Amino acid sequence: MTTITTPRLSLTRFVTDDWPFFLRLRQDPQVMRFMGEMLSEEALRSVFVSRCADPGVFVLRDKFGEALGDIGLRISPKNPHEADVGYALLPQAQGKGYASEALRAVCEYGFTTLGAGHQCLGAG
């Protein structure tokens, strides 16, 4: 299983045990106010299953293993030298630089492992 480490974070692929965290994250009104409509639990389950299978999507964990959010990198199907990045953090993890730290690490992973080019576009 792929793990990316930074000075403060461990980024791991989603596994089935992460479902309760994913559900809590995606049902938090403070998180979702930036991400669009709230989905039903059934719809979220479908999203979660696809995240588990995606090699560019990770759970952000602190040094104690506590899940703080998620981040995903998707290489553009039209231009493999471009990638889009999206992330979500629990309210208590926001404003501490975790997203920036994870973004740098995920972009490096995208360049070296997933074959993205030299651009990381659309963070947020």
PDB file of N, CA and C in Angstrom:
ATOM      1  N   MET A   1       0.843  -1.182   0.000  1.00  0.00           N
ATOM      2  CA  MET A   1       0.000   0.000   0.000  1.00  0.00           C
ATOM      3  C   MET A   1       0.886   1.242   0.000  1.00  0.00           C
ATOM      4  N   THR A   2       0.536   2.209  -0.813  1.00  0.00           N
ATOM      5  CA  THR A   2       1.297   3.444  -0.914  1.00  0.00           C
ATOM      6  C   THR A   2       1.076   4.315   0.315  1.00  0.00           C
ATOM      7  N   THR A   3       2.166   4.777   0.887  1.00  0.00           N
ATOM      8  CA  THR A   3       2.119   5.763   1.963  1.00  0.00           C
ATOM      9  C   THR A   3       3.086   6.877   1.607  1.00  0.00           C
ATOM     10  N   ILE A   4       2.613   8.105   1.712  1.00  0.00           N
ATOM     11  CA  ILE A   4       3.450   9.281   1.496  1.00  0.00           C
ATOM     12  C   ILE A   4       3.621   9.942   2.854  1.00  0.00           C
ATOM     13  N   THR A   5       4.846  10.264   3.203  1.00  0.00           N
ATOM     14  CA  THR A   5       5.074  10.910   4.494  1.00  0.00           C
ATOM     15  C   THR A   5       5.649  12.306   4.294  1.00  0.00           C
ATOM     16  N   THR A   6       5.269  13.181   5.195  1.00  0.00           N
ATOM     17  CA  THR A   6       5.779  14.547   5.253  1.00  0.00           C
ATOM     18  C   THR A   6       6.220  14.765   6.699  1.00  0.00           C
ATOM     19  N   PRO A   7       6.785  15.923   7.009  1.00  0.00           N
ATOM     20  CA  PRO A   7       7.205  16.136   8.399  1.00  0.00           C
ATOM     21  C   PRO A   7       6.090  15.955   9.437  1.00  0.00           C
ATOM     22  N   ARG A   8       4.846  16.289   9.078  1.00  0.00           N
ATOM     23  CA  ARG A   8       3.762  16.194  10.061  1.00  0.00           C
ATOM     24  C   ARG A   8       2.662  15.218   9.696  1.00  0.00           C
ATOM     25  N   LEU A   9       2.682  14.701   8.475  1.00  0.00           N
ATOM     26  CA  LEU A   9       1.551  13.913   7.985  1.00  0.00           C
ATOM     27  C   LEU A   9       1.978  12.574   7.415  1.00  0.00           C
ATOM     28  N   SER A  10       1.026  11.689   7.415  1.00  0.00           N
ATOM     29  CA  SER A  10       1.125  10.423   6.699  1.00  0.00           C
ATOM     30  C   SER A  10      -0.093  10.371   5.784  1.00  0.00           C
ATOM     31  N   LEU A  11       0.140  10.183   4.505  1.00  0.00           N
ATOM     32  CA  LEU A  11      -0.946  10.099   3.528  1.00  0.00           C
ATOM     33  C   LEU A  11      -1.058   8.646   3.093  1.00  0.00           C
ATOM     34  N   THR A  12      -2.207   8.047   3.355  1.00  0.00           N
ATOM     35  CA  THR A  12      -2.419   6.640   3.041  1.00  0.00           C
ATOM     36  C   THR A  12      -3.629   6.491   2.135  1.00  0.00           C
ATOM     37  N   ARG A  13      -3.620   5.438   1.339  1.00  0.00           N
ATOM     38  CA  ARG A  13      -4.772   5.146   0.493  1.00  0.00           C
ATOM     39  C   ARG A  13      -5.971   4.806   1.373  1.00  0.00           C
ATOM     40  N   PHE A  14      -7.159   5.096   0.880  1.00  0.00           N
ATOM     41  CA  PHE A  14      -8.379   4.728   1.591  1.00  0.00           C
ATOM     42  C   PHE A  14      -8.513   3.211   1.648  1.00  0.00           C
ATOM     43  N   VAL A  15      -8.982   2.722   2.784  1.00  0.00           N
ATOM     44  CA  VAL A  15      -9.345   1.312   2.960  1.00  0.00           C
ATOM     45  C   VAL A  15     -10.756   1.281   3.542  1.00  0.00           C
ATOM     46  N   THR A  16     -11.386   0.126   3.518  1.00  0.00           N
ATOM     47  CA  THR A  16     -12.783   0.035   3.960  1.00  0.00           C
ATOM     48  C   THR A  16     -12.981   0.524   5.392  1.00  0.00           C
ATOM     49  N   ASP A  17     -11.983   0.377   6.250  1.00  0.00           N
ATOM     50  CA  ASP A  17     -12.108   0.852   7.633  1.00  0.00           C
ATOM     51  C   ASP A  17     -12.202   2.370   7.738  1.00  0.00           C
ATOM     52  N   ASP A  18     -11.900   3.090   6.659  1.00  0.00           N
ATOM     53  CA  ASP A  18     -11.975   4.551   6.662  1.00  0.00           C
ATOM     54  C   ASP A  18     -13.384   5.075   6.390  1.00  0.00           C
ATOM     55  N   TRP A  19     -14.331   4.183   6.129  1.00  0.00           N
ATOM     56  CA  TRP A  19     -15.697   4.610   5.812  1.00  0.00           C
ATOM     57  C   TRP A  19     -16.298   5.533   6.876  1.00  0.00           C
ATOM     58  N   PRO A  20     -16.246   5.220   8.171  1.00  0.00           N
ATOM     59  CA  PRO A  20     -16.852   6.131   9.150  1.00  0.00           C
ATOM     60  C   PRO A  20     -16.239   7.535   9.105  1.00  0.00           C
ATOM     61  N   PHE A  21     -14.929   7.604   8.910  1.00  0.00           N
ATOM     62  CA  PHE A  21     -14.280   8.914   8.800  1.00  0.00           C
ATOM     63  C   PHE A  21     -14.754   9.648   7.550  1.00  0.00           C
ATOM     64  N   PHE A  22     -14.771   8.969   6.408  1.00  0.00           N
ATOM     65  CA  PHE A  22     -15.196   9.594   5.161  1.00  0.00           C
ATOM     66  C   PHE A  22     -16.625  10.115   5.279  1.00  0.00           C
ATOM     67  N   LEU A  23     -17.494   9.322   5.873  1.00  0.00           N
ATOM     68  CA  LEU A  23     -18.886   9.732   6.059  1.00  0.00           C
ATOM     69  C   LEU A  23     -18.963  10.981   6.938  1.00  0.00           C
ATOM     70  N   ARG A  24     -18.226  10.995   8.039  1.00  0.00           N
ATOM     71  CA  ARG A  24     -18.220  12.158   8.944  1.00  0.00           C
ATOM     72  C   ARG A  24     -17.688  13.398   8.225  1.00  0.00           C
ATOM     73  N   LEU A  25     -16.604  13.241   7.465  1.00  0.00           N
ATOM     74  CA  LEU A  25     -16.015  14.359   6.735  1.00  0.00           C
ATOM     75  C   LEU A  25     -17.006  14.929   5.729  1.00  0.00           C
ATOM     76  N   ARG A  26     -17.634  14.056   4.949  1.00  0.00           N
ATOM     77  CA  ARG A  26     -18.515  14.502   3.870  1.00  0.00           C
ATOM     78  C   ARG A  26     -19.920  14.878   4.341  1.00  0.00           C
ATOM     79  N   GLN A  27     -20.217  14.661   5.613  1.00  0.00           N
ATOM     80  CA  GLN A  27     -21.494  15.115   6.159  1.00  0.00           C
ATOM     81  C   GLN A  27     -21.322  16.316   7.085  1.00  0.00           C
ATOM     82  N   ASP A  28     -20.114  16.839   7.171  1.00  0.00           N
ATOM     83  CA  ASP A  28     -19.856  18.012   8.005  1.00  0.00           C
ATOM     84  C   ASP A  28     -20.232  19.268   7.221  1.00  0.00           C
ATOM     85  N   PRO A  29     -21.198  20.047   7.702  1.00  0.00           N
ATOM     86  CA  PRO A  29     -21.634  21.233   6.961  1.00  0.00           C
ATOM     87  C   PRO A  29     -20.516  22.246   6.731  1.00  0.00           C
ATOM     88  N   GLN A  30     -19.592  22.370   7.681  1.00  0.00           N
ATOM     89  CA  GLN A  30     -18.486  23.315   7.505  1.00  0.00           C
ATOM     90  C   GLN A  30     -17.554  22.879   6.379  1.00  0.00           C
ATOM     91  N   VAL A  31     -17.355  21.602   6.214  1.00  0.00           N
ATOM     92  CA  VAL A  31     -16.523  21.079   5.128  1.00  0.00           C
ATOM     93  C   VAL A  31     -17.263  21.222   3.805  1.00  0.00           C
ATOM     94  N   MET A  32     -18.505  20.837   3.786  1.00  0.00           N
ATOM     95  CA  MET A  32     -19.255  20.772   2.537  1.00  0.00           C
ATOM     96  C   MET A  32     -19.684  22.131   2.006  1.00  0.00           C
ATOM     97  N   ARG A  33     -19.606  23.163   2.801  1.00  0.00           N
ATOM     98  CA  ARG A  33     -20.004  24.481   2.287  1.00  0.00           C
ATOM     99  C   ARG A  33     -19.109  24.922   1.137  1.00  0.00           C
ATOM    100  N   PHE A  34     -17.912  24.357   1.036  1.00  0.00           N
ATOM    101  CA  PHE A  34     -16.993  24.675  -0.053  1.00  0.00           C
ATOM    102  C   PHE A  34     -17.048  23.658  -1.187  1.00  0.00           C
ATOM    103  N   MET A  35     -17.804  22.597  -1.003  1.00  0.00           N
ATOM    104  CA  MET A  35     -17.719  21.484  -1.938  1.00  0.00           C
ATOM    105  C   MET A  35     -19.024  21.152  -2.654  1.00  0.00           C
ATOM    106  N   GLY A  36     -20.044  21.906  -2.449  1.00  0.00           N
ATOM    107  CA  GLY A  36     -21.286  21.617  -3.143  1.00  0.00           C
ATOM    108  C   GLY A  36     -22.306  20.954  -2.250  1.00  0.00           C
ATOM    109  N   GLU A  37     -23.248  20.297  -2.888  1.00  0.00           N
ATOM    110  CA  GLU A  37     -24.376  19.734  -2.159  1.00  0.00           C
ATOM    111  C   GLU A  37     -23.990  18.545  -1.284  1.00  0.00           C
ATOM    112  N   MET A  38     -24.743  18.376  -0.221  1.00  0.00           N
ATOM    113  CA  MET A  38     -24.582  17.213   0.646  1.00  0.00           C
ATOM    114  C   MET A  38     -25.206  16.019  -0.069  1.00  0.00           C
ATOM    115  N   LEU A  39     -24.503  14.906  -0.069  1.00  0.00           N
ATOM    116  CA  LEU A  39     -25.001  13.694  -0.706  1.00  0.00           C
ATOM    117  C   LEU A  39     -25.606  12.762   0.334  1.00  0.00           C
ATOM    118  N   SER A  40     -26.474  11.891  -0.126  1.00  0.00           N
ATOM    119  CA  SER A  40     -27.045  10.875   0.754  1.00  0.00           C
ATOM    120  C   SER A  40     -25.950   9.893   1.162  1.00  0.00           C
ATOM    121  N   GLU A  41     -26.209   9.134   2.215  1.00  0.00           N
ATOM    122  CA  GLU A  41     -25.240   8.129   2.648  1.00  0.00           C
ATOM    123  C   GLU A  41     -24.990   7.106   1.539  1.00  0.00           C
ATOM    124  N   GLU A  42     -26.031   6.736   0.823  1.00  0.00           N
ATOM    125  CA  GLU A  42     -25.886   5.779  -0.280  1.00  0.00           C
ATOM    126  C   GLU A  42     -24.981   6.338  -1.380  1.00  0.00           C
ATOM    127  N   ALA A  43     -25.187   7.600  -1.739  1.00  0.00           N
ATOM    128  CA  ALA A  43     -24.347   8.227  -2.764  1.00  0.00           C
ATOM    129  C   ALA A  43     -22.910   8.370  -2.277  1.00  0.00           C
ATOM    130  N   LEU A  44     -22.750   8.711  -1.002  1.00  0.00           N
ATOM    131  CA  LEU A  44     -21.405   8.818  -0.436  1.00  0.00           C
ATOM    132  C   LEU A  44     -20.695   7.472  -0.431  1.00  0.00           C
ATOM    133  N   ARG A  45     -21.429   6.413  -0.193  1.00  0.00           N
ATOM    134  CA  ARG A  45     -20.830   5.071  -0.206  1.00  0.00           C
ATOM    135  C   ARG A  45     -20.248   4.776  -1.592  1.00  0.00           C
ATOM    136  N   SER A  46     -20.963   5.148  -2.629  1.00  0.00           N
ATOM    137  CA  SER A  46     -20.480   4.944  -3.991  1.00  0.00           C
ATOM    138  C   SER A  46     -19.208   5.756  -4.247  1.00  0.00           C
ATOM    139  N   VAL A  47     -19.197   7.000  -3.799  1.00  0.00           N
ATOM    140  CA  VAL A  47     -18.007   7.845  -3.930  1.00  0.00           C
ATOM    141  C   VAL A  47     -16.844   7.213  -3.171  1.00  0.00           C
ATOM    142  N   PHE A  48     -17.120   6.737  -1.963  1.00  0.00           N
ATOM    143  CA  PHE A  48     -16.088   6.129  -1.127  1.00  0.00           C
ATOM    144  C   PHE A  48     -15.470   4.908  -1.807  1.00  0.00           C
ATOM    145  N   VAL A  49     -16.286   4.057  -2.379  1.00  0.00           N
ATOM    146  CA  VAL A  49     -15.779   2.859  -3.060  1.00  0.00           C
ATOM    147  C   VAL A  49     -14.837   3.258  -4.196  1.00  0.00           C
ATOM    148  N   SER A  50     -15.206   4.288  -4.940  1.00  0.00           N
ATOM    149  CA  SER A  50     -14.331   4.728  -6.031  1.00  0.00           C
ATOM    150  C   SER A  50     -13.039   5.329  -5.490  1.00  0.00           C
ATOM    151  N   ARG A  51     -13.112   6.014  -4.357  1.00  0.00           N
ATOM    152  CA  ARG A  51     -11.895   6.572  -3.739  1.00  0.00           C
ATOM    153  C   ARG A  51     -10.950   5.466  -3.289  1.00  0.00           C
ATOM    154  N   CYS A  52     -11.496   4.391  -2.780  1.00  0.00           N
ATOM    155  CA  CYS A  52     -10.659   3.265  -2.332  1.00  0.00           C
ATOM    156  C   CYS A  52      -9.867   2.664  -3.493  1.00  0.00           C
ATOM    157  N   ALA A  53     -10.416   2.731  -4.686  1.00  0.00           N
ATOM    158  CA  ALA A  53      -9.768   2.141  -5.860  1.00  0.00           C
ATOM    159  C   ALA A  53      -8.861   3.119  -6.601  1.00  0.00           C
ATOM    160  N   ASP A  54      -8.859   4.375  -6.215  1.00  0.00           N
ATOM    161  CA  ASP A  54      -8.123   5.412  -6.938  1.00  0.00           C
ATOM    162  C   ASP A  54      -6.712   5.569  -6.369  1.00  0.00           C
ATOM    163  N   PRO A  55      -5.666   5.353  -7.175  1.00  0.00           N
ATOM    164  CA  PRO A  55      -4.296   5.443  -6.663  1.00  0.00           C
ATOM    165  C   PRO A  55      -3.838   6.858  -6.335  1.00  0.00           C
ATOM    166  N   GLY A  56      -4.632   7.864  -6.689  1.00  0.00           N
ATOM    167  CA  GLY A  56      -4.248   9.245  -6.422  1.00  0.00           C
ATOM    168  C   GLY A  56      -4.998   9.884  -5.276  1.00  0.00           C
ATOM    169  N   VAL A  57      -5.755   9.106  -4.504  1.00  0.00           N
ATOM    170  CA  VAL A  57      -6.567   9.651  -3.406  1.00  0.00           C
ATOM    171  C   VAL A  57      -6.048   9.108  -2.079  1.00  0.00           C
ATOM    172  N   PHE A  58      -5.898  10.008  -1.115  1.00  0.00           N
ATOM    173  CA  PHE A  58      -5.288   9.650   0.165  1.00  0.00           C
ATOM    174  C   PHE A  58      -6.040  10.249   1.347  1.00  0.00           C
ATOM    175  N   VAL A  59      -5.930   9.573   2.476  1.00  0.00           N
ATOM    176  CA  VAL A  59      -6.378  10.099   3.765  1.00  0.00           C
ATOM    177  C   VAL A  59      -5.178  10.808   4.387  1.00  0.00           C
ATOM    178  N   LEU A  60      -5.383  12.023   4.886  1.00  0.00           N
ATOM    179  CA  LEU A  60      -4.339  12.736   5.616  1.00  0.00           C
ATOM    180  C   LEU A  60      -4.444  12.346   7.075  1.00  0.00           C
ATOM    181  N   ARG A  61      -3.334  11.889   7.633  1.00  0.00           N
ATOM    182  CA  ARG A  61      -3.300  11.507   9.048  1.00  0.00           C
ATOM    183  C   ARG A  61      -2.181  12.272   9.746  1.00  0.00           C
ATOM    184  N   ASP A  62      -2.444  12.657  10.988  1.00  0.00           N
ATOM    185  CA  ASP A  62      -1.400  13.325  11.757  1.00  0.00           C
ATOM    186  C   ASP A  62      -0.412  12.300  12.299  1.00  0.00           C
ATOM    187  N   LYS A  63       0.564  12.761  13.066  1.00  0.00           N
ATOM    188  CA  LYS A  63       1.612  11.852  13.559  1.00  0.00           C
ATOM    189  C   LYS A  63       1.085  10.800  14.522  1.00  0.00           C
ATOM    190  N   PHE A  64      -0.136  10.993  15.023  1.00  0.00           N
ATOM    191  CA  PHE A  64      -0.756  10.014  15.914  1.00  0.00           C
ATOM    192  C   PHE A  64      -1.680   9.053  15.167  1.00  0.00           C
ATOM    193  N   GLY A  65      -1.807   9.241  13.850  1.00  0.00           N
ATOM    194  CA  GLY A  65      -2.668   8.383  13.043  1.00  0.00           C
ATOM    195  C   GLY A  65      -4.103   8.859  12.945  1.00  0.00           C
ATOM    196  N   GLU A  66      -4.393  10.024  13.505  1.00  0.00           N
ATOM    197  CA  GLU A  66      -5.747  10.581  13.464  1.00  0.00           C
ATOM    198  C   GLU A  66      -6.045  11.118  12.066  1.00  0.00           C
ATOM    199  N   ALA A  67      -7.166  10.699  11.474  1.00  0.00           N
ATOM    200  CA  ALA A  67      -7.563  11.176  10.152  1.00  0.00           C
ATOM    201  C   ALA A  67      -8.007  12.628  10.242  1.00  0.00           C
ATOM    202  N   LEU A  68      -7.433  13.463   9.375  1.00  0.00           N
ATOM    203  CA  LEU A  68      -7.716  14.897   9.362  1.00  0.00           C
ATOM    204  C   LEU A  68      -8.501  15.334   8.135  1.00  0.00           C
ATOM    205  N   GLY A  69      -8.379  14.582   7.048  1.00  0.00           N
ATOM    206  CA  GLY A  69      -9.021  14.974   5.805  1.00  0.00           C
ATOM    207  C   GLY A  69      -8.617  14.034   4.691  1.00  0.00           C
ATOM    208  N   ASP A  70      -8.895  14.469   3.465  1.00  0.00           N
ATOM    209  CA  ASP A  70      -8.462  13.691   2.313  1.00  0.00           C
ATOM    210  C   ASP A  70      -7.968  14.613   1.219  1.00  0.00           C
ATOM    211  N   ILE A  71      -7.208  14.039   0.304  1.00  0.00           N
ATOM    212  CA  ILE A  71      -6.670  14.789  -0.826  1.00  0.00           C
ATOM    213  C   ILE A  71      -6.602  13.844  -2.012  1.00  0.00           C
ATOM    214  N   GLY A  72      -6.910  14.370  -3.172  1.00  0.00           N
ATOM    215  CA  GLY A  72      -6.871  13.542  -4.369  1.00  0.00           C
ATOM    216  C   GLY A  72      -6.264  14.282  -5.539  1.00  0.00           C
ATOM    217  N   LEU A  73      -5.496  13.564  -6.319  1.00  0.00           N
ATOM    218  CA  LEU A  73      -4.866  14.099  -7.514  1.00  0.00           C
ATOM    219  C   LEU A  73      -5.381  13.314  -8.707  1.00  0.00           C
ATOM    220  N   ARG A  74      -5.880  14.027  -9.691  1.00  0.00           N
ATOM    221  CA  ARG A  74      -6.392  13.382 -10.896  1.00  0.00           C
ATOM    222  C   ARG A  74      -5.649  13.950 -12.104  1.00  0.00           C
ATOM    223  N   ILE A  75      -5.021  13.070 -12.854  1.00  0.00           N
ATOM    224  CA  ILE A  75      -4.329  13.486 -14.063  1.00  0.00           C
ATOM    225  C   ILE A  75      -5.371  13.728 -15.144  1.00  0.00           C
ATOM    226  N   SER A  76      -5.227  14.835 -15.849  1.00  0.00           N
ATOM    227  CA  SER A  76      -6.182  15.204 -16.892  1.00  0.00           C
ATOM    228  C   SER A  76      -6.194  14.164 -18.007  1.00  0.00           C
ATOM    229  N   PRO A  77      -7.380  13.663 -18.377  1.00  0.00           N
ATOM    230  CA  PRO A  77      -7.439  12.702 -19.486  1.00  0.00           C
ATOM    231  C   PRO A  77      -7.117  13.359 -20.831  1.00  0.00           C
ATOM    232  N   LYS A  78      -7.294  14.678 -20.919  1.00  0.00           N
ATOM    233  CA  LYS A  78      -7.018  15.390 -22.164  1.00  0.00           C
ATOM    234  C   LYS A  78      -5.553  15.784 -22.297  1.00  0.00           C
ATOM    235  N   ASN A  79      -4.902  16.016 -21.160  1.00  0.00           N
ATOM    236  CA  ASN A  79      -3.499  16.418 -21.179  1.00  0.00           C
ATOM    237  C   ASN A  79      -2.787  15.771 -19.998  1.00  0.00           C
ATOM    238  N   PRO A  80      -2.044  14.705 -20.222  1.00  0.00           N
ATOM    239  CA  PRO A  80      -1.406  13.982 -19.118  1.00  0.00           C
ATOM    240  C   PRO A  80      -0.317  14.773 -18.404  1.00  0.00           C
ATOM    241  N   HIS A  81      -0.026  15.973 -18.887  1.00  0.00           N
ATOM    242  CA  HIS A  81       0.956  16.823 -18.210  1.00  0.00           C
ATOM    243  C   HIS A  81       0.293  17.769 -17.219  1.00  0.00           C
ATOM    244  N   GLU A  82      -1.002  17.656 -17.062  1.00  0.00           N
ATOM    245  CA  GLU A  82      -1.736  18.490 -16.112  1.00  0.00           C
ATOM    246  C   GLU A  82      -2.490  17.611 -15.125  1.00  0.00           C
ATOM    247  N   ALA A  83      -2.630  18.134 -13.921  1.00  0.00           N
ATOM    248  CA  ALA A  83      -3.360  17.397 -12.887  1.00  0.00           C
ATOM    249  C   ALA A  83      -4.202  18.368 -12.076  1.00  0.00           C
ATOM    250  N   ASP A  84      -5.333  17.894 -11.618  1.00  0.00           N
ATOM    251  CA  ASP A  84      -6.202  18.648 -10.715  1.00  0.00           C
ATOM    252  C   ASP A  84      -6.077  18.039  -9.333  1.00  0.00           C
ATOM    253  N   VAL A  85      -6.124  18.894  -8.323  1.00  0.00           N
ATOM    254  CA  VAL A  85      -6.038  18.433  -6.942  1.00  0.00           C
ATOM    255  C   VAL A  85      -7.221  18.993  -6.174  1.00  0.00           C
ATOM    256  N   GLY A  86      -7.830  18.154  -5.358  1.00  0.00           N
ATOM    257  CA  GLY A  86      -8.891  18.595  -4.462  1.00  0.00           C
ATOM    258  C   GLY A  86      -8.636  18.031  -3.081  1.00  0.00           C
ATOM    259  N   TYR A  87      -9.085  18.748  -2.086  1.00  0.00           N
ATOM    260  CA  TYR A  87      -8.887  18.272  -0.718  1.00  0.00           C
ATOM    261  C   TYR A  87     -10.031  18.726   0.165  1.00  0.00           C
ATOM    262  N   ALA A  88     -10.176  18.057   1.285  1.00  0.00           N
ATOM    263  CA  ALA A  88     -11.154  18.427   2.310  1.00  0.00           C
ATOM    264  C   ALA A  88     -10.522  18.132   3.663  1.00  0.00           C
ATOM    265  N   LEU A  89     -10.682  19.057   4.580  1.00  0.00           N
ATOM    266  CA  LEU A  89     -10.151  18.893   5.932  1.00  0.00           C
ATOM    267  C   LEU A  89     -11.254  19.106   6.949  1.00  0.00           C
ATOM    268  N   LEU A  90     -11.211  18.320   8.016  1.00  0.00           N
ATOM    269  CA  LEU A  90     -12.123  18.563   9.130  1.00  0.00           C
ATOM    270  C   LEU A  90     -11.888  19.976   9.661  1.00  0.00           C
ATOM    271  N   PRO A  91     -12.916  20.625  10.188  1.00  0.00           N
ATOM    272  CA  PRO A  91     -12.759  21.999  10.666  1.00  0.00           C
ATOM    273  C   PRO A  91     -11.594  22.188  11.636  1.00  0.00           C
ATOM    274  N   GLN A  92     -11.378  21.241  12.534  1.00  0.00           N
ATOM    275  CA  GLN A  92     -10.310  21.404  13.520  1.00  0.00           C
ATOM    276  C   GLN A  92      -8.914  21.289  12.907  1.00  0.00           C
ATOM    277  N   ALA A  93      -8.814  20.805  11.670  1.00  0.00           N
ATOM    278  CA  ALA A  93      -7.519  20.682  10.995  1.00  0.00           C
ATOM    279  C   ALA A  93      -7.259  21.832  10.025  1.00  0.00           C
ATOM    280  N   GLN A  94      -8.239  22.686   9.822  1.00  0.00           N
ATOM    281  CA  GLN A  94      -8.101  23.781   8.867  1.00  0.00           C
ATOM    282  C   GLN A  94      -7.259  24.914   9.454  1.00  0.00           C
ATOM    283  N   GLY A  95      -6.559  25.621   8.569  1.00  0.00           N
ATOM    284  CA  GLY A  95      -5.779  26.779   8.980  1.00  0.00           C
ATOM    285  C   GLY A  95      -4.452  26.452   9.642  1.00  0.00           C
ATOM    286  N   LYS A  96      -3.979  25.228   9.503  1.00  0.00           N
ATOM    287  CA  LYS A  96      -2.731  24.809  10.153  1.00  0.00           C
ATOM    288  C   LYS A  96      -1.649  24.413   9.150  1.00  0.00           C
ATOM    289  N   GLY A  97      -1.914  24.627   7.878  1.00  0.00           N
ATOM    290  CA  GLY A  97      -0.926  24.305   6.856  1.00  0.00           C
ATOM    291  C   GLY A  97      -0.908  22.857   6.405  1.00  0.00           C
ATOM    292  N   TYR A  98      -1.842  22.047   6.899  1.00  0.00           N
ATOM    293  CA  TYR A  98      -1.862  20.633   6.514  1.00  0.00           C
ATOM    294  C   TYR A  98      -2.145  20.453   5.022  1.00  0.00           C
ATOM    295  N   ALA A  99      -3.078  21.222   4.492  1.00  0.00           N
ATOM    296  CA  ALA A  99      -3.417  21.076   3.071  1.00  0.00           C
ATOM    297  C   ALA A  99      -2.229  21.446   2.191  1.00  0.00           C
ATOM    298  N   SER A 100      -1.524  22.519   2.528  1.00  0.00           N
ATOM    299  CA  SER A 100      -0.349  22.920   1.746  1.00  0.00           C
ATOM    300  C   SER A 100       0.733  21.851   1.790  1.00  0.00           C
ATOM    301  N   GLU A 101       0.957  21.302   2.962  1.00  0.00           N
ATOM    302  CA  GLU A 101       1.966  20.252   3.132  1.00  0.00           C
ATOM    303  C   GLU A 101       1.592  19.009   2.321  1.00  0.00           C
ATOM    304  N   ALA A 102       0.340  18.617   2.405  1.00  0.00           N
ATOM    305  CA  ALA A 102      -0.128  17.448   1.657  1.00  0.00           C
ATOM    306  C   ALA A 102      -0.101  17.713   0.153  1.00  0.00           C
ATOM    307  N   LEU A 103      -0.455  18.922  -0.247  1.00  0.00           N
ATOM    308  CA  LEU A 103      -0.463  19.281  -1.666  1.00  0.00           C
ATOM    309  C   LEU A 103       0.927  19.131  -2.277  1.00  0.00           C
ATOM    310  N   ARG A 104       1.935  19.641  -1.592  1.00  0.00           N
ATOM    311  CA  ARG A 104       3.301  19.503  -2.110  1.00  0.00           C
ATOM    312  C   ARG A 104       3.673  18.026  -2.276  1.00  0.00           C
ATOM    313  N   ALA A 105       3.346  17.226  -1.279  1.00  0.00           N
ATOM    314  CA  ALA A 105       3.697  15.801  -1.318  1.00  0.00           C
ATOM    315  C   ALA A 105       2.930  15.054  -2.411  1.00  0.00           C
ATOM    316  N   VAL A 106       1.650  15.343  -2.558  1.00  0.00           N
ATOM    317  CA  VAL A 106       0.836  14.658  -3.568  1.00  0.00           C
ATOM    318  C   VAL A 106       1.258  15.068  -4.979  1.00  0.00           C
ATOM    319  N   CYS A 107       1.605  16.327  -5.170  1.00  0.00           N
ATOM    320  CA  CYS A 107       2.084  16.751  -6.489  1.00  0.00           C
ATOM    321  C   CYS A 107       3.391  16.042  -6.834  1.00  0.00           C
ATOM    322  N   GLU A 108       4.301  15.946  -5.880  1.00  0.00           N
ATOM    323  CA  GLU A 108       5.551  15.224  -6.124  1.00  0.00           C
ATOM    324  C   GLU A 108       5.266  13.761  -6.476  1.00  0.00           C
ATOM    325  N   TYR A 109       4.352  13.145  -5.753  1.00  0.00           N
ATOM    326  CA  TYR A 109       3.943  11.764  -6.040  1.00  0.00           C
ATOM    327  C   TYR A 109       3.359  11.673  -7.451  1.00  0.00           C
ATOM    328  N   GLY A 110       2.542  12.627  -7.813  1.00  0.00           N
ATOM    329  CA  GLY A 110       1.948  12.633  -9.147  1.00  0.00           C
ATOM    330  C   GLY A 110       2.994  12.742 -10.238  1.00  0.00           C
ATOM    331  N   PHE A 111       3.991  13.592 -10.022  1.00  0.00           N
ATOM    332  CA  PHE A 111       5.043  13.764 -11.018  1.00  0.00           C
ATOM    333  C   PHE A 111       5.898  12.510 -11.146  1.00  0.00           C
ATOM    334  N   THR A 112       6.292  11.935 -10.013  1.00  0.00           N
ATOM    335  CA  THR A 112       7.259  10.839 -10.032  1.00  0.00           C
ATOM    336  C   THR A 112       6.626   9.459 -10.208  1.00  0.00           C
ATOM    337  N   THR A 113       5.415   9.271  -9.721  1.00  0.00           N
ATOM    338  CA  THR A 113       4.817   7.935  -9.722  1.00  0.00           C
ATOM    339  C   THR A 113       3.668   7.790 -10.714  1.00  0.00           C
ATOM    340  N   LEU A 114       2.798   8.782 -10.764  1.00  0.00           N
ATOM    341  CA  LEU A 114       1.617   8.671 -11.627  1.00  0.00           C
ATOM    342  C   LEU A 114       1.848   9.212 -13.031  1.00  0.00           C
ATOM    343  N   GLY A 115       2.978   9.862 -13.245  1.00  0.00           N
ATOM    344  CA  GLY A 115       3.305  10.324 -14.584  1.00  0.00           C
ATOM    345  C   GLY A 115       2.715  11.657 -14.973  1.00  0.00           C
ATOM    346  N   ALA A 116       2.297  12.461 -14.003  1.00  0.00           N
ATOM    347  CA  ALA A 116       1.812  13.807 -14.324  1.00  0.00           C
ATOM    348  C   ALA A 116       2.991  14.633 -14.821  1.00  0.00           C
ATOM    349  N   GLY A 117       2.701  15.682 -15.543  1.00  0.00           N
ATOM    350  CA  GLY A 117       3.749  16.563 -16.041  1.00  0.00           C
ATOM    351  C   GLY A 117       4.250  17.487 -14.956  1.00  0.00           C
ATOM    352  N   HIS A 118       4.404  18.728 -15.283  1.00  0.00           N
ATOM    353  CA  HIS A 118       5.011  19.680 -14.359  1.00  0.00           C
ATOM    354  C   HIS A 118       4.029  20.702 -13.812  1.00  0.00           C
ATOM    355  N   GLN A 119       2.744  20.427 -13.862  1.00  0.00           N
ATOM    356  CA  GLN A 119       1.762  21.372 -13.363  1.00  0.00           C
ATOM    357  C   GLN A 119       0.800  20.666 -12.421  1.00  0.00           C
ATOM    358  N   CYS A 120       0.489  21.335 -11.354  1.00  0.00           N
ATOM    359  CA  CYS A 120      -0.572  20.883 -10.455  1.00  0.00           C
ATOM    360  C   CYS A 120      -1.590  22.012 -10.449  1.00  0.00           C
ATOM    361  N   LEU A 121      -2.772  21.778 -10.951  1.00  0.00           N
ATOM    362  CA  LEU A 121      -3.759  22.831 -11.145  1.00  0.00           C
ATOM    363  C   LEU A 121      -4.967  22.639 -10.255  1.00  0.00           C
ATOM    364  N   GLY A 122      -5.603  23.736  -9.901  1.00  0.00           N
ATOM    365  CA  GLY A 122      -6.917  23.679  -9.283  1.00  0.00           C
ATOM    366  C   GLY A 122      -6.944  23.178  -7.857  1.00  0.00           C
ATOM    367  N   ALA A 123      -6.018  23.597  -7.030  1.00  0.00           N
ATOM    368  CA  ALA A 123      -6.058  23.180  -5.627  1.00  0.00           C
ATOM    369  C   ALA A 123      -7.256  23.811  -4.945  1.00  0.00           C
ATOM    370  N   GLY A 124      -7.913  23.018  -4.108  1.00  0.00           N
ATOM    371  CA  GLY A 124      -9.035  23.570  -3.354  1.00  0.00           C
ATOM    372  C   GLY A 124     -10.224  22.690  -3.363  1.00  0.00           C
TER     373      GLY A 124
END
